[in-house]
Amino acid sequence: MLPLKRIHFIGIGGVGMSAVAWVILKKRIPISGSDVQPNIQTARLEKEGVPVYYGHSPENVKDAGLIVVSSAIHEDNPELVQARNLKIPIWHRSDMLEEILSEGESITVAGTHGKTSTASMAALVLERAGLDPTFIIGGDLNELGGNARLGAGKYIVAEADESDGTFLSYHPQYAIVTNVEPDHLDFYKTADNVKNAFQKHLSNVCDKGCAILCADDPGLLSILEKDLKCQVLFYSARFMTADFFAGEINLHANGSAFTVFKERQELGQVRLSVPGRHNIINALSVIALGDKLGLSLEQMTPALREFKGAKRRFQLKGTYDGITVIDDYAHHPTEVATTLAGAIALRESKKGRIIAIFQPHRYTRTRDFHNEFAGAFKDADVVIITDIYPAGEKPISGVSGRMIYDGLVRNNHPNPIYVSNMDDICNTLISLIVPGDVIFTMGAGNIWKVGDRLLQRLTLAQPV
């Protein structure tokens, strides 16, 4: 039971924290928050009258009835220390999300990749079908104007983030799992621990619920060693024997078309406005979910076609004089390779080159996957590597973006470039881009700023 007294969110500007805070606010429970600096999420909350404090001070938790923190908040945070001194109850963000999920029929989307896009598609499909869902997502859903909303319907769609293991708190009625790969080894330490966590997540699905799983992913299939208590539905773009199959696939520069089969019976055709085979697979999981909830394919297809992607997921930032700038959150080798593969049709239509600008995210991920990153850029004609976005991590001796660049050189990539200072990338780009080029800024940090600066430079036609 949530207190009616003020709930204070430490780190309220985080995309996950702000989403949970938004839903609590709309339940008419007073909230406040603090963070290091303003951002889009804090501005949105402040516009609704939420007090947001910049900088962390013990005074900020005074008279709060409950404190909410995420794994990003350190134990010595002055507000957290003061809350303990005052014996104010402290919840993790996952505890609050589980409280919200318990109030309806919960739908979680988990997986190493594709969570945000898939959860966003699911929320939009349910919304356009008139089911008025609550949703809490790790990125802004452009069509619905934010990363969270409190709906009046019974369904609650949430992204289940595996990065710190807290997704094991959830007991969903419906669980989509997109894939399972080693990641977040700073927390899990081994690939087996990652697999064990996803195995436990699936065992937490309610007995009368349903797990919706991608049959195309070897990592996911490898954890299904024992029968689950819940119903299991498989979706696939490779195996017609899956419960839901995407066939007759046609990829093009700005989207795709495919035919949906359920138990080998044709249901109809779907058109997407987001490119790439991976988005077909994401959409198929949502179609399987909607079918389970009683929606027809005809009810789902308009929303699937309307979906233009979540923020920072293959997001078109702008075009100028035949040059296209796209931003993507890809920060794992598989995500990088998948995003660039999805751009091939776009490159062919533009008759230019794919130029990938990659900012590694975290020292630990760079250390653990630098060889895999070096092999992930085969579909890029030019690759610019910059230095690491630390995301709060301390530097590790010998670990830098140059490790990935050196790997590209060893792999004989034709055009690798290392620019250690992100602020210098625009000058490098101006010297080499030509009409027809498609430029990708990639990473989970602040690399998106490069695309914005480049478009501004091109538009203003400032000399180098």
Protein backbone atom coordinates (compact mmCIF):
# COMPACT_ATOMS: atom_id res chain seq x y z
CA MET A 1 0.00 0.00 0.00
CA LEU A 2 1.48 3.32 -1.05
CA PRO A 3 1.61 6.14 1.49
CA LEU A 4 -0.43 9.25 0.84
CA LYS A 5 2.48 11.27 2.17
CA ARG A 6 5.02 12.65 -0.32
CA ILE A 7 7.16 10.11 -2.21
CA HIS A 8 10.65 11.38 -3.05
CA PHE A 9 12.57 9.97 -6.05
CA ILE A 10 16.36 10.25 -5.87
CA GLY A 11 17.59 10.43 -9.46
CA ILE A 12 14.18 11.34 -10.86
CA GLY A 13 15.65 12.39 -14.22
CA GLY A 14 16.57 8.83 -15.18
CA VAL A 15 14.39 7.46 -17.96
CA GLY A 16 13.20 4.56 -15.82
CA MET A 17 12.72 6.58 -12.65
CA SER A 18 10.86 9.39 -14.40
CA ALA A 19 8.44 6.89 -15.95
CA VAL A 20 7.55 5.37 -12.60
CA ALA A 21 7.31 8.83 -11.02
CA TRP A 22 4.92 9.96 -13.76
CA VAL A 23 2.49 7.12 -13.08
CA ILE A 24 2.59 7.72 -9.31
CA LEU A 25 1.96 11.43 -9.92
CA LYS A 26 -1.09 10.61 -12.05
CA LYS A 27 -2.42 8.49 -9.19
CA ARG A 28 -2.68 11.82 -7.34
CA ILE A 29 0.00 10.93 -4.81
CA PRO A 30 2.32 13.88 -4.03
CA ILE A 31 5.86 13.37 -5.28
CA SER A 32 9.16 15.22 -5.44
CA GLY A 33 12.54 14.38 -6.85
CA SER A 34 16.17 15.30 -7.14
CA ASP A 35 18.87 14.90 -9.74
CA VAL A 36 22.24 16.29 -10.72
CA GLN A 37 20.98 18.47 -13.58
CA PRO A 38 17.82 19.23 -15.58
CA ASN A 39 16.83 17.17 -18.60
CA ILE A 40 13.78 16.51 -20.76
CA GLN A 41 12.26 14.17 -18.18
CA THR A 42 12.63 16.57 -15.24
CA ALA A 43 11.21 19.41 -17.34
CA ARG A 44 8.15 17.30 -18.13
CA LEU A 45 7.58 16.57 -14.45
CA GLU A 46 8.17 20.18 -13.38
CA LYS A 47 5.60 21.30 -15.93
CA GLU A 48 3.11 19.17 -13.97
CA GLY A 49 4.05 20.97 -10.75
CA VAL A 50 6.48 18.40 -9.35
CA PRO A 51 9.20 19.95 -7.14
CA VAL A 52 12.57 18.83 -8.56
CA TYR A 53 15.76 19.74 -6.69
CA TYR A 54 19.07 19.96 -8.55
CA GLY A 55 21.91 18.67 -6.45
CA HIS A 56 21.51 16.16 -3.62
CA SER A 57 20.91 17.54 -0.13
CA PRO A 58 19.67 15.95 3.11
CA GLU A 59 17.04 18.73 3.25
CA ASN A 60 15.32 17.30 0.16
CA VAL A 61 13.99 14.24 1.99
CA LYS A 62 12.57 16.17 4.93
CA ASP A 63 8.94 15.13 5.65
CA ALA A 64 8.95 12.48 2.88
CA GLY A 65 6.91 9.36 3.55
CA LEU A 66 8.83 7.09 1.20
CA ILE A 67 12.11 7.26 -0.72
CA VAL A 68 12.57 5.62 -4.13
CA VAL A 69 16.06 4.94 -5.52
CA SER A 70 17.52 3.15 -8.51
CA SER A 71 20.69 1.09 -8.75
CA ALA A 72 22.46 4.20 -10.08
CA ILE A 73 22.26 5.85 -6.64
CA HIS A 74 25.34 5.24 -4.51
CA GLU A 75 25.09 4.19 -0.89
CA ASP A 76 26.77 7.41 0.28
CA ASN A 77 24.25 9.68 -1.44
CA PRO A 78 23.45 12.36 1.19
CA GLU A 79 19.69 12.04 0.68
CA LEU A 80 19.82 8.26 1.05
CA VAL A 81 21.98 8.56 4.17
CA GLN A 82 19.56 11.08 5.68
CA ALA A 83 16.56 8.89 4.86
CA ARG A 84 18.16 6.04 6.79
CA ASN A 85 18.92 8.36 9.71
CA LEU A 86 15.28 9.47 9.76
CA LYS A 87 14.07 5.86 9.34
CA ILE A 88 12.09 6.79 6.23
CA PRO A 89 11.14 3.64 4.25
CA ILE A 90 13.34 3.15 1.17
CA TRP A 91 12.17 1.29 -1.94
CA HIS A 92 14.09 0.38 -5.04
CA ARG A 93 12.54 1.51 -8.34
CA SER A 94 11.73 -2.14 -9.08
CA ASP A 95 9.68 -2.37 -5.85
CA MET A 96 7.59 0.58 -6.97
CA LEU A 97 7.17 -0.86 -10.45
CA GLU A 98 6.09 -4.21 -9.01
CA GLU A 99 3.53 -2.35 -6.88
CA ILE A 100 2.14 -0.72 -10.03
CA LEU A 101 2.16 -4.01 -11.97
CA SER A 102 0.24 -5.75 -9.20
CA GLU A 103 -2.71 -3.39 -9.72
CA GLY A 104 -3.69 -4.84 -13.11
CA GLU A 105 -2.89 -7.49 -15.70
CA SER A 106 0.82 -7.02 -16.22
CA ILE A 107 2.70 -7.37 -19.49
CA THR A 108 6.49 -7.25 -19.29
CA VAL A 109 9.01 -7.08 -22.12
CA ALA A 110 12.47 -8.41 -21.32
CA GLY A 111 15.53 -9.32 -23.35
CA THR A 112 19.07 -8.17 -24.01
CA HIS A 113 17.94 -6.19 -27.06
CA GLY A 114 14.69 -4.78 -28.40
CA LYS A 115 12.88 -4.17 -25.12
CA THR A 116 12.04 -0.52 -25.65
CA SER A 117 10.89 -0.86 -29.26
CA THR A 118 8.78 -3.93 -28.50
CA ALA A 119 7.21 -2.47 -25.35
CA SER A 120 6.46 0.73 -27.27
CA MET A 121 4.78 -1.20 -30.08
CA ALA A 122 2.72 -3.16 -27.56
CA ALA A 123 1.57 -0.01 -25.75
CA LEU A 124 0.56 1.66 -29.02
CA VAL A 125 -1.32 -1.40 -30.30
CA LEU A 126 -3.29 -1.73 -27.06
CA GLU A 127 -3.99 2.01 -26.96
CA ARG A 128 -5.24 2.18 -30.55
CA ALA A 129 -7.38 -0.91 -29.93
CA GLY A 130 -9.23 1.03 -27.22
CA LEU A 131 -7.79 -0.86 -24.23
CA ASP A 132 -6.30 2.30 -22.64
CA PRO A 133 -3.24 0.64 -21.06
CA THR A 134 -0.86 1.98 -18.48
CA PHE A 135 2.70 1.86 -19.79
CA ILE A 136 6.15 2.39 -18.30
CA ILE A 137 8.90 2.27 -20.92
CA GLY A 138 12.63 3.00 -21.12
CA GLY A 139 12.27 5.51 -23.95
CA ASP A 140 9.81 8.07 -25.25
CA LEU A 141 6.96 6.66 -27.34
CA ASN A 142 6.59 9.41 -29.91
CA GLU A 143 2.98 8.62 -30.85
CA LEU A 144 1.79 8.83 -27.23
CA GLY A 145 4.02 11.66 -26.06
CA GLY A 146 6.29 10.24 -23.40
CA ASN A 147 7.79 7.26 -21.61
CA ALA A 148 4.84 6.61 -19.31
CA ARG A 149 1.12 7.02 -18.93
CA LEU A 150 -1.55 5.99 -16.44
CA GLY A 151 -4.42 4.44 -18.36
CA ALA A 152 -7.90 3.46 -17.23
CA GLY A 153 -7.69 -0.04 -18.69
CA LYS A 154 -6.64 -3.23 -16.93
CA TYR A 155 -3.42 -3.85 -18.85
CA ILE A 156 -0.05 -2.52 -17.70
CA VAL A 157 2.88 -2.68 -20.14
CA ALA A 158 6.36 -2.36 -18.65
CA GLU A 159 9.89 -2.77 -19.84
CA ALA A 160 11.64 -5.29 -17.57
CA ASP A 161 15.26 -4.17 -17.33
CA GLU A 162 17.66 -7.00 -16.58
CA SER A 163 20.75 -4.82 -16.06
CA ASP A 164 20.82 -5.07 -12.26
CA GLY A 165 18.78 -8.23 -11.69
CA THR A 166 15.81 -6.37 -10.25
CA PHE A 167 13.47 -7.65 -12.98
CA LEU A 168 13.27 -10.80 -10.89
CA SER A 169 10.90 -8.87 -8.60
CA TYR A 170 8.12 -9.02 -11.21
CA HIS A 171 5.44 -11.70 -11.57
CA PRO A 172 3.76 -10.84 -14.87
CA GLN A 173 0.67 -12.37 -16.42
CA TYR A 174 2.22 -12.01 -19.88
CA ALA A 175 5.96 -11.93 -20.56
CA ILE A 176 7.62 -11.26 -23.90
CA VAL A 177 11.30 -12.20 -24.03
CA THR A 178 13.08 -11.05 -27.17
CA ASN A 179 16.52 -12.65 -26.76
CA VAL A 180 19.19 -13.61 -24.22
CA GLU A 181 22.86 -12.70 -24.62
CA PRO A 182 25.72 -11.90 -22.25
CA ASP A 183 25.63 -8.26 -21.18
CA HIS A 184 25.95 -6.25 -17.97
CA LEU A 185 28.81 -8.50 -16.89
CA ASP A 186 29.83 -5.81 -14.39
CA PHE A 187 26.80 -7.06 -12.43
CA TYR A 188 26.36 -10.68 -13.54
CA LYS A 189 30.08 -11.59 -13.86
CA THR A 190 29.40 -14.61 -16.13
CA ALA A 191 27.22 -15.48 -19.12
CA ASP A 192 25.72 -18.37 -17.15
CA ASN A 193 24.49 -15.95 -14.49
CA VAL A 194 22.73 -13.93 -17.22
CA LYS A 195 21.01 -17.08 -18.46
CA ASN A 196 20.03 -18.09 -14.93
CA ALA A 197 18.43 -14.70 -14.34
CA PHE A 198 16.27 -14.95 -17.47
CA GLN A 199 15.36 -18.52 -16.54
CA LYS A 200 14.16 -17.27 -13.14
CA HIS A 201 12.27 -14.41 -14.82
CA LEU A 202 10.32 -16.90 -16.93
CA SER A 203 9.61 -19.07 -13.90
CA ASN A 204 8.05 -15.99 -12.27
CA VAL A 205 5.32 -15.74 -14.92
CA CYS A 206 1.96 -16.52 -13.34
CA ASP A 207 0.83 -20.15 -13.70
CA LYS A 208 -2.20 -19.10 -15.75
CA GLY A 209 -0.17 -16.56 -17.70
CA CYS A 210 1.72 -16.76 -20.97
CA ALA A 211 5.37 -16.46 -22.02
CA ILE A 212 5.88 -15.21 -25.59
CA LEU A 213 9.35 -16.21 -26.77
CA CYS A 214 11.48 -15.70 -29.87
CA ALA A 215 12.28 -19.07 -31.43
CA ASP A 216 15.00 -17.47 -33.58
CA ASP A 217 17.28 -16.70 -30.64
CA PRO A 218 19.69 -19.49 -29.62
CA GLY A 219 20.44 -17.87 -26.27
CA LEU A 220 16.78 -17.80 -25.32
CA LEU A 221 16.19 -21.38 -26.46
CA SER A 222 19.18 -22.53 -24.42
CA ILE A 223 17.53 -21.56 -21.14
CA LEU A 224 14.34 -23.55 -21.76
CA GLU A 225 15.68 -26.69 -20.14
CA LYS A 226 12.55 -27.46 -18.17
CA ASP A 227 8.86 -26.99 -18.82
CA LEU A 228 7.40 -23.71 -17.66
CA LYS A 229 4.26 -23.66 -15.57
CA CYS A 230 2.65 -21.07 -17.83
CA GLN A 231 1.56 -21.32 -21.46
CA VAL A 232 4.37 -20.74 -23.98
CA LEU A 233 3.94 -19.20 -27.44
CA PHE A 234 6.82 -19.05 -29.89
CA TYR A 235 7.25 -16.49 -32.66
CA SER A 236 9.71 -16.69 -35.53
CA ALA A 237 10.81 -15.32 -38.87
CA ARG A 238 12.71 -18.55 -39.59
CA PHE A 239 10.58 -21.50 -38.51
CA MET A 240 7.08 -22.03 -39.91
CA THR A 241 6.42 -24.47 -37.07
CA ALA A 242 6.37 -21.60 -34.55
CA ASP A 243 2.98 -20.52 -33.20
CA PHE A 244 3.39 -17.20 -35.04
CA PHE A 245 5.51 -16.94 -38.17
CA ALA A 246 6.49 -13.98 -40.34
CA GLY A 247 6.84 -14.99 -43.97
CA GLU A 248 6.97 -13.36 -47.41
CA ILE A 249 9.20 -10.66 -45.96
CA ASN A 250 9.88 -7.56 -48.05
CA LEU A 251 12.41 -5.09 -46.63
CA HIS A 252 12.70 -1.56 -48.00
CA ALA A 253 14.38 1.69 -47.04
CA ASN A 254 11.61 3.07 -44.83
CA GLY A 255 9.95 -0.05 -43.48
CA SER A 256 8.84 -3.52 -44.43
CA ALA A 257 5.92 -5.78 -45.26
CA PHE A 258 5.34 -9.38 -44.22
CA THR A 259 2.62 -12.00 -43.93
CA VAL A 260 1.57 -13.36 -40.53
CA PHE A 261 0.85 -17.04 -40.06
CA LYS A 262 -0.70 -18.48 -36.91
CA GLU A 263 -0.25 -22.22 -36.57
CA ARG A 264 0.55 -22.29 -40.32
CA GLN A 265 -2.71 -20.55 -41.20
CA GLU A 266 -2.38 -17.19 -42.94
CA LEU A 267 -3.83 -14.28 -40.95
CA GLY A 268 -2.93 -11.41 -43.28
CA GLN A 269 -0.29 -8.88 -44.23
CA VAL A 270 1.35 -6.28 -41.99
CA ARG A 271 3.22 -3.15 -43.07
CA LEU A 272 5.71 -1.40 -40.81
CA SER A 273 7.09 2.13 -41.02
CA VAL A 274 10.31 1.20 -39.22
CA PRO A 275 13.08 -0.55 -41.15
CA GLY A 276 14.91 -3.77 -40.47
CA ARG A 277 14.22 -7.45 -40.01
CA HIS A 278 14.56 -7.03 -36.25
CA ASN A 279 11.50 -4.78 -36.18
CA ILE A 280 9.48 -7.45 -38.00
CA ILE A 281 10.41 -9.88 -35.24
CA ASN A 282 9.54 -7.29 -32.57
CA ALA A 283 6.17 -6.68 -34.22
CA LEU A 284 5.47 -10.41 -34.41
CA SER A 285 5.83 -10.73 -30.63
CA VAL A 286 3.27 -7.94 -30.21
CA ILE A 287 0.92 -9.66 -32.67
CA ALA A 288 1.20 -12.86 -30.62
CA LEU A 289 0.43 -10.86 -27.46
CA GLY A 290 -2.53 -9.08 -29.04
CA ASP A 291 -3.93 -12.37 -30.34
CA LYS A 292 -3.66 -13.83 -26.84
CA LEU A 293 -5.58 -10.81 -25.50
CA GLY A 294 -8.35 -11.34 -28.06
CA LEU A 295 -7.40 -8.75 -30.69
CA SER A 296 -7.69 -9.56 -34.38
CA LEU A 297 -4.85 -8.82 -36.78
CA GLU A 298 -7.11 -6.22 -38.42
CA GLN A 299 -7.33 -4.40 -35.08
CA MET A 300 -3.54 -4.37 -34.74
CA THR A 301 -2.28 -3.51 -38.21
CA PRO A 302 -3.11 0.24 -38.20
CA ALA A 303 -1.09 0.85 -35.02
CA LEU A 304 1.81 -1.26 -36.23
CA ARG A 305 1.97 0.77 -39.42
CA GLU A 306 1.63 4.03 -37.47
CA PHE A 307 4.54 3.17 -35.18
CA LYS A 308 7.57 5.26 -36.14
CA GLY A 309 9.88 3.98 -33.44
CA ALA A 310 10.77 5.01 -29.92
CA LYS A 311 13.12 7.89 -29.29
CA ARG A 312 16.76 7.01 -30.06
CA ARG A 313 15.76 3.79 -31.85
CA PHE A 314 16.68 4.23 -35.53
CA GLN A 315 15.42 7.80 -35.09
CA LEU A 316 15.64 10.09 -38.11
CA LYS A 317 17.17 13.32 -36.82
CA GLY A 318 17.15 15.20 -40.11
CA THR A 319 18.35 15.49 -43.68
CA TYR A 320 20.30 18.17 -45.52
CA ASP A 321 21.43 18.30 -49.14
CA GLY A 322 21.10 14.54 -49.58
CA ILE A 323 22.78 13.71 -46.27
CA THR A 324 20.70 11.72 -43.75
CA VAL A 325 21.37 11.67 -39.99
CA ILE A 326 19.95 8.86 -37.85
CA ASP A 327 20.43 8.26 -34.12
CA ASP A 328 20.30 4.87 -32.43
CA TYR A 329 20.75 3.66 -28.85
CA ALA A 330 22.75 0.57 -29.94
CA HIS A 331 25.47 -0.07 -27.35
CA HIS A 332 26.00 -3.86 -27.54
CA PRO A 333 27.72 -5.60 -30.47
CA THR A 334 24.56 -7.42 -31.54
CA GLU A 335 22.56 -4.18 -31.46
CA VAL A 336 25.18 -2.40 -33.56
CA ALA A 337 25.23 -5.18 -36.16
CA THR A 338 21.43 -5.40 -36.25
CA THR A 339 20.95 -1.65 -36.67
CA LEU A 340 23.50 -1.42 -39.48
CA ALA A 341 22.02 -4.46 -41.24
CA GLY A 342 18.66 -2.68 -41.12
CA ALA A 343 20.23 0.29 -42.91
CA ILE A 344 21.38 -1.59 -46.01
CA ALA A 345 18.16 -0.93 -47.93
CA LEU A 346 18.39 2.74 -46.94
CA ARG A 347 21.95 2.96 -48.26
CA GLU A 348 20.90 1.37 -51.54
CA SER A 349 18.05 3.84 -51.97
CA LYS A 350 20.33 6.81 -51.24
CA LYS A 351 23.24 5.46 -53.33
CA GLY A 352 25.67 6.66 -50.68
CA ARG A 353 27.67 5.25 -47.78
CA ILE A 354 26.81 4.22 -44.24
CA ILE A 355 28.98 6.20 -41.81
CA ALA A 356 28.76 4.86 -38.24
CA ILE A 357 29.87 7.03 -35.32
CA PHE A 358 30.12 4.90 -32.20
CA GLN A 359 30.58 5.99 -28.60
CA PRO A 360 31.30 2.97 -26.36
CA HIS A 361 29.16 2.84 -23.22
CA ARG A 362 30.90 1.88 -19.96
CA TYR A 363 34.48 0.78 -19.41
CA THR A 364 33.40 -2.70 -18.34
CA ARG A 365 31.35 -3.33 -21.51
CA THR A 366 34.22 -2.08 -23.68
CA ARG A 367 36.66 -4.35 -21.83
CA ASP A 368 34.38 -7.38 -22.10
CA PHE A 369 33.21 -6.96 -25.72
CA HIS A 370 35.83 -4.96 -27.63
CA ASN A 371 36.59 -7.88 -29.96
CA GLU A 372 32.89 -8.41 -30.67
CA PHE A 373 32.42 -4.69 -31.33
CA ALA A 374 35.25 -4.81 -33.86
CA GLY A 375 33.28 -7.38 -35.84
CA ALA A 376 29.92 -5.62 -35.58
CA PHE A 377 30.56 -2.85 -38.13
CA LYS A 378 30.89 -4.91 -41.31
CA ASP A 379 27.88 -3.17 -42.91
CA ALA A 380 29.31 0.31 -42.31
CA ASP A 381 31.48 1.85 -45.02
CA VAL A 382 33.16 4.25 -42.59
CA VAL A 383 33.42 3.81 -38.81
CA ILE A 384 34.35 6.62 -36.42
CA ILE A 385 35.12 5.48 -32.89
CA THR A 386 35.28 8.01 -30.06
CA ASP A 387 36.08 7.53 -26.41
CA ILE A 388 33.98 5.90 -23.73
CA TYR A 389 30.86 7.34 -22.08
CA PRO A 390 31.48 6.13 -18.51
CA ALA A 391 27.89 6.18 -17.18
CA GLY A 392 29.22 6.63 -13.66
CA GLU A 393 31.96 4.00 -13.89
CA LYS A 394 35.53 4.72 -12.88
CA PRO A 395 38.17 4.40 -15.63
CA ILE A 396 39.86 1.01 -16.04
CA SER A 397 43.55 1.13 -16.87
CA GLY A 398 44.22 0.35 -20.53
CA VAL A 399 40.54 0.41 -21.53
CA SER A 400 39.47 3.02 -24.09
CA GLY A 401 37.66 3.39 -27.38
CA ARG A 402 40.96 2.76 -29.12
CA MET A 403 40.59 -0.95 -28.26
CA ILE A 404 37.64 -1.12 -30.67
CA TYR A 405 39.47 0.93 -33.29
CA ASP A 406 42.49 -1.38 -33.07
CA GLY A 407 40.17 -4.35 -33.54
CA LEU A 408 38.69 -2.79 -36.67
CA VAL A 409 42.20 -2.35 -38.05
CA ARG A 410 43.05 -5.99 -37.27
CA ASN A 411 39.83 -7.06 -39.01
CA ASN A 412 40.87 -5.08 -42.10
CA HIS A 413 37.89 -2.75 -42.01
CA PRO A 414 38.40 -0.41 -44.99
CA ASN A 415 37.78 2.91 -43.24
CA PRO A 416 38.18 3.01 -39.45
CA ILE A 417 38.81 6.40 -37.83
CA TYR A 418 39.57 7.15 -34.17
CA VAL A 419 38.58 10.56 -32.80
CA SER A 420 39.16 10.55 -29.06
CA ASN A 421 37.38 13.84 -28.37
CA MET A 422 33.71 13.78 -29.31
CA ASP A 423 33.77 17.54 -29.89
CA ASP A 424 36.12 17.03 -32.85
CA ILE A 425 33.89 14.57 -34.72
CA CYS A 426 31.92 17.25 -36.60
CA ASN A 427 35.08 18.58 -38.23
CA THR A 428 36.01 15.06 -39.31
CA LEU A 429 32.54 14.50 -40.78
CA ILE A 430 32.45 17.80 -42.66
CA SER A 431 35.66 16.82 -44.41
CA LEU A 432 34.40 13.48 -45.70
CA ILE A 433 30.59 13.45 -46.16
CA VAL A 434 28.97 13.72 -49.58
CA PRO A 435 25.32 13.72 -50.73
CA GLY A 436 23.79 10.27 -50.37
CA ASP A 437 25.64 9.41 -47.17
CA VAL A 438 23.65 8.00 -44.23
CA ILE A 439 25.21 8.93 -40.89
CA PHE A 440 24.46 6.93 -37.75
CA THR A 441 25.27 8.18 -34.25
CA MET A 442 25.28 5.10 -32.04
CA GLY A 443 25.58 4.51 -28.31
CA ALA A 444 23.73 4.83 -25.01
CA GLY A 445 25.54 8.00 -23.95
CA ASN A 446 25.40 11.50 -25.39
CA ILE A 447 26.66 10.76 -28.91
CA TRP A 448 23.31 11.99 -30.28
CA LYS A 449 24.64 15.50 -29.81
CA VAL A 450 27.04 14.96 -32.72
CA GLY A 451 24.14 14.48 -35.13
CA ASP A 452 22.41 17.60 -33.86
CA ARG A 453 25.60 19.65 -34.18
CA LEU A 454 26.28 18.34 -37.67
CA LEU A 455 22.80 19.24 -38.91
CA GLN A 456 23.15 22.68 -37.36
CA ARG A 457 26.53 23.20 -39.05
CA LEU A 458 25.21 22.05 -42.42
CA THR A 459 22.06 24.16 -42.16
CA LEU A 460 23.97 27.28 -41.19
CA ALA A 461 26.62 26.47 -43.81
CA GLN A 462 29.33 27.63 -41.45
CA PRO A 463 32.88 27.29 -42.79
CA VAL A 464 35.10 24.72 -41.14
